Protein backbone atom coordinates (compact mmCIF):
# COMPACT_ATOMS: atom_id res chain seq x y z
CA MET A 1 0.00 0.00 0.00
CA LEU A 2 1.43 3.38 -1.03
CA LEU A 3 -0.78 5.60 1.15
CA ASN A 4 -3.03 4.54 4.01
CA LEU A 5 -5.17 6.91 6.07
CA LYS A 6 -6.47 5.05 9.12
CA ASP A 7 -9.50 6.62 10.86
CA ILE A 8 -8.07 10.14 10.80
CA SER A 9 -9.84 13.17 12.22
CA VAL A 10 -8.91 16.86 11.89
CA HIS A 11 -10.23 19.82 13.88
CA TYR A 12 -10.04 23.55 13.20
CA GLY A 13 -10.35 24.82 16.73
CA LYS A 14 -13.43 23.08 18.14
CA ALA A 15 -14.92 22.42 14.71
CA GLU A 16 -14.43 18.91 13.35
CA ALA A 17 -13.48 19.12 9.65
CA ILE A 18 -13.12 15.38 8.98
CA LYS A 19 -14.04 12.43 11.19
CA ASP A 20 -12.72 8.85 11.16
CA VAL A 21 -11.69 8.96 7.49
CA THR A 22 -10.03 5.86 6.04
CA ILE A 23 -8.59 6.04 2.51
CA GLU A 24 -6.16 3.80 0.64
CA VAL A 25 -4.08 4.51 -2.45
CA THR A 26 -2.24 1.64 -4.08
CA GLU A 27 0.87 2.24 -6.17
CA GLY A 28 0.32 3.12 -9.83
CA THR A 29 -3.29 4.28 -9.47
CA VAL A 30 -5.42 7.42 -9.43
CA VAL A 31 -7.89 7.59 -6.54
CA GLY A 32 -10.61 10.23 -6.51
CA ILE A 33 -12.30 12.05 -3.64
CA ILE A 34 -15.56 13.78 -4.53
CA GLY A 35 -18.11 15.74 -2.56
CA ALA A 36 -19.77 19.11 -2.19
CA ASN A 37 -18.04 22.30 -1.07
CA GLY A 38 -17.19 22.14 2.62
CA ALA A 39 -17.20 18.35 2.75
CA GLY A 40 -13.58 18.23 3.94
CA LYS A 41 -11.88 17.09 0.75
CA SER A 42 -9.05 19.65 0.81
CA THR A 43 -8.49 19.04 4.52
CA ILE A 44 -7.66 15.41 3.77
CA LEU A 45 -4.91 16.45 1.36
CA LYS A 46 -3.58 19.04 3.83
CA ALA A 47 -3.42 16.37 6.52
CA VAL A 48 -1.44 14.02 4.27
CA CYS A 49 1.15 16.68 3.39
CA GLY A 50 1.46 17.89 6.98
CA ALA A 51 -0.14 21.30 6.47
CA VAL A 52 -2.73 20.62 9.19
CA PRO A 53 -2.32 18.27 12.19
CA THR A 54 -4.53 15.26 12.75
CA THR A 55 -6.32 14.92 16.07
CA LYS A 56 -6.93 11.18 15.71
CA GLY A 57 -5.79 8.25 13.58
CA GLU A 58 -2.66 7.46 11.57
CA ILE A 59 -1.29 8.28 8.11
CA TRP A 60 1.16 5.84 6.52
CA PHE A 61 3.16 6.39 3.34
CA MET A 62 5.35 3.63 1.90
CA ASP A 63 5.17 1.73 5.22
CA ARG A 64 6.28 4.79 7.19
CA ARG A 65 4.05 6.75 9.55
CA ILE A 66 4.00 10.41 8.50
CA ASP A 67 1.31 12.12 10.61
CA GLY A 68 3.07 14.62 12.84
CA MET A 69 6.03 14.82 10.45
CA ALA A 70 7.18 18.23 9.17
CA PRO A 71 5.90 19.05 5.66
CA HIS A 72 9.37 19.31 4.09
CA HIS A 73 10.24 15.82 5.36
CA ILE A 74 7.04 14.49 3.79
CA VAL A 75 8.03 16.12 0.48
CA LYS A 76 11.45 14.43 0.70
CA LEU A 77 9.72 11.07 1.11
CA GLY A 78 7.93 11.62 -2.18
CA VAL A 79 4.58 13.34 -1.50
CA THR A 80 3.83 16.55 -3.41
CA HIS A 81 0.76 18.75 -2.91
CA ILE A 82 -0.66 20.75 -5.82
CA PRO A 83 -3.03 23.08 -3.95
CA GLU A 84 -6.34 24.50 -5.02
CA GLY A 85 -5.83 27.92 -6.62
CA ARG A 86 -2.30 27.02 -7.84
CA HIS A 87 -0.44 29.31 -5.38
CA LEU A 88 2.31 30.26 -7.80
CA PHE A 89 4.88 32.98 -7.20
CA PRO A 90 3.21 35.52 -9.52
CA TYR A 91 6.13 37.90 -10.11
CA MET A 92 8.71 35.18 -10.67
CA SER A 93 9.36 33.61 -14.05
CA VAL A 94 7.99 30.29 -15.19
CA SER A 95 11.48 28.76 -14.95
CA ALA A 96 11.98 30.09 -11.41
CA ASN A 97 8.63 28.68 -10.28
CA LEU A 98 9.54 25.27 -11.68
CA LYS A 99 12.97 25.26 -10.03
CA ILE A 100 11.39 26.06 -6.65
CA GLY A 101 9.61 22.72 -6.94
CA ALA A 102 13.03 21.04 -6.80
CA TYR A 103 14.28 23.19 -3.90
CA LEU A 104 14.89 20.22 -1.57
CA ARG A 105 16.70 18.15 -4.18
CA LYS A 106 20.49 17.98 -4.37
CA ASP A 107 20.81 15.99 -7.60
CA LYS A 108 21.45 18.95 -9.92
CA VAL A 109 21.98 16.88 -13.08
CA ALA A 110 18.74 15.01 -12.51
CA VAL A 111 16.94 18.28 -11.74
CA LYS A 112 18.03 19.69 -15.10
CA LYS A 113 16.84 16.51 -16.81
CA ASP A 114 13.47 16.72 -15.08
CA LEU A 115 13.16 20.41 -16.01
CA ASP A 116 13.72 19.48 -19.66
CA GLU A 117 11.07 16.76 -19.34
CA VAL A 118 8.55 19.23 -17.88
CA PHE A 119 9.20 21.57 -20.81
CA GLU A 120 8.76 18.63 -23.18
CA ARG A 121 5.48 17.67 -21.48
CA PHE A 122 4.26 21.28 -21.48
CA PRO A 123 5.68 23.08 -24.57
CA ARG A 124 3.82 26.28 -23.66
CA LEU A 125 5.80 26.53 -20.45
CA TYR A 126 9.02 26.38 -22.46
CA GLU A 127 7.74 29.11 -24.76
CA ARG A 128 6.97 31.27 -21.71
CA ARG A 129 9.89 30.20 -19.53
CA ASN A 130 11.11 33.78 -18.99
CA GLN A 131 7.61 35.21 -18.54
CA GLN A 132 6.12 36.16 -15.18
CA ALA A 133 3.68 33.54 -13.93
CA SER A 134 0.98 36.16 -13.28
CA THR A 135 0.81 37.10 -16.97
CA MET A 136 -0.22 33.61 -18.14
CA SER A 137 -3.72 32.29 -18.72
CA GLY A 138 -5.50 30.14 -16.14
CA GLY A 139 -4.81 26.96 -18.09
CA GLU A 140 -1.12 27.80 -18.44
CA GLN A 141 -0.88 28.57 -14.74
CA GLN A 142 -2.42 25.18 -13.94
CA MET A 143 0.19 23.50 -16.16
CA LEU A 144 2.88 25.44 -14.29
CA SER A 145 1.48 24.33 -10.93
CA ILE A 146 1.51 20.69 -12.06
CA GLY A 147 4.99 21.07 -13.56
CA ARG A 148 6.29 22.54 -10.30
CA GLY A 149 4.84 19.56 -8.44
CA LEU A 150 6.56 17.13 -10.79
CA MET A 151 9.90 18.85 -10.19
CA ALA A 152 9.86 17.51 -6.62
CA LYS A 153 10.16 13.97 -8.09
CA PRO A 154 7.10 12.60 -6.28
CA HIS A 155 5.85 9.07 -5.85
CA LEU A 156 2.43 10.50 -4.98
CA LEU A 157 0.75 13.69 -6.24
CA LEU A 158 -2.02 15.26 -4.17
CA MET A 159 -4.10 17.28 -6.65
CA ASP A 160 -6.71 19.66 -5.24
CA GLU A 161 -9.42 20.84 -7.68
CA PRO A 162 -7.09 21.12 -10.71
CA SER A 163 -10.01 21.86 -13.06
CA LEU A 164 -11.19 24.89 -11.06
CA GLY A 165 -11.77 27.86 -13.37
CA LEU A 166 -10.78 26.02 -16.54
CA ALA A 167 -12.82 26.00 -19.75
CA PRO A 168 -14.29 22.60 -20.78
CA LEU A 169 -11.73 22.18 -23.56
CA LEU A 170 -8.88 22.68 -21.08
CA VAL A 171 -10.48 20.20 -18.67
CA GLN A 172 -10.20 17.58 -21.43
CA GLU A 173 -6.54 18.49 -21.87
CA LEU A 174 -6.08 18.20 -18.10
CA ALA A 175 -7.56 14.68 -18.16
CA THR A 176 -4.94 13.66 -20.73
CA ILE A 177 -2.18 15.18 -18.58
CA ILE A 178 -3.35 13.28 -15.48
CA ARG A 179 -3.47 9.99 -17.36
CA ASP A 180 0.04 10.59 -18.72
CA ILE A 181 1.36 11.31 -15.23
CA TYR A 182 0.08 8.11 -13.63
CA LYS A 183 1.11 6.04 -16.64
CA SER A 184 4.63 7.34 -15.99
CA GLY A 185 4.52 5.66 -12.56
CA ILE A 186 3.32 8.50 -10.30
CA SER A 187 0.24 7.74 -8.21
CA ILE A 188 -2.38 10.45 -7.71
CA LEU A 189 -4.90 11.30 -5.01
CA LEU A 190 -7.34 13.61 -6.78
CA VAL A 191 -9.85 15.93 -5.12
CA GLU A 192 -12.43 17.20 -7.61
CA GLN A 193 -15.98 18.47 -7.98
CA ASN A 194 -15.92 17.95 -11.74
CA ALA A 195 -17.46 14.48 -11.94
CA GLY A 196 -16.68 14.18 -15.64
CA LEU A 197 -12.96 14.64 -15.05
CA VAL A 198 -12.84 12.23 -12.11
CA THR A 199 -14.62 9.44 -13.94
CA GLN A 200 -12.36 9.88 -16.98
CA VAL A 201 -9.12 9.37 -15.09
CA THR A 202 -9.94 6.98 -12.25
CA GLU A 203 -12.18 4.04 -11.44
CA ARG A 204 -11.94 3.87 -7.65
CA GLY A 205 -12.75 6.62 -5.23
CA TYR A 206 -14.53 7.96 -2.18
CA VAL A 207 -17.56 10.19 -1.65
CA LEU A 208 -17.29 12.61 1.26
CA GLU A 209 -20.17 14.28 3.08
CA VAL A 210 -19.70 16.64 6.02
CA GLY A 211 -16.27 15.23 6.85
CA LYS A 212 -17.18 11.55 6.58
CA VAL A 213 -16.69 8.93 3.88
CA VAL A 214 -20.21 7.81 3.00
CA LEU A 215 -19.48 5.76 -0.14
CA GLU A 216 -16.48 4.13 -1.74
CA GLY A 217 -15.88 1.95 -4.74
CA ASN A 218 -16.13 2.27 -8.51
CA LEU A 219 -16.83 5.96 -9.16
CA LYS A 220 -18.42 5.34 -12.55
CA GLU A 221 -21.00 3.12 -10.87
CA ILE A 222 -21.50 5.53 -7.98
CA MET A 223 -22.05 8.46 -10.34
CA THR A 224 -24.88 6.69 -12.19
CA ASN A 225 -26.99 7.21 -9.08
CA GLU A 226 -28.88 10.48 -9.57
CA ILE A 227 -29.45 10.86 -5.84
CA VAL A 228 -25.69 10.70 -5.28
CA ARG A 229 -25.04 13.23 -8.04
CA SER A 230 -27.56 15.64 -6.58
CA ALA A 231 -26.54 15.20 -2.95
CA PHE A 232 -22.78 15.35 -3.33
CA LEU A 233 -22.13 17.37 -6.49
CA GLY A 234 -25.07 19.75 -6.52
């Protein structure tokens, strides 16, 4: 098992954001988490990467317990978080943003090779490599956010609402990118409200409601239920 969340809970002050959540990600797969706004989806990803502390349960990555570990140590182990809203450095160049993704790495030759591979995967980033990140379109910024995540050389990508704000045509392009990433050997835990995107790139997933997992299994089958679609995706 690559990632195993065992009955984790997270509180913001006295408010319980997620309760007794158990999620598994096997190596070489994409696992989806779907649910309405405020269900706790992003909190799960933040707990995995160490951005928020758990108040109960355990998180294991590659047979090593990581809850309570500092975020930069979790990144070194091979977990990279691509946050909702991209969170780029807007006044830095595309190249500088990408290199920041490899900040903790010491293998300079391999970093250069991976940078070339990101530019090969995303030709538009190469074309705009000296351009400020803030001057790019939303789709290009999302590519940059993903590229920066790949520069950390992850075993697992945590992707939070990558389709947010993208036009339908770009969502289709994003689906292709996600498939290419996991086919290259990188597993993905994907948080999304776009049911079409989730069902294109993954079969197995979890439905979250008010901080609890209420359904799990084949997402294509789950999404055929109109009650589920209405209740969890609006």
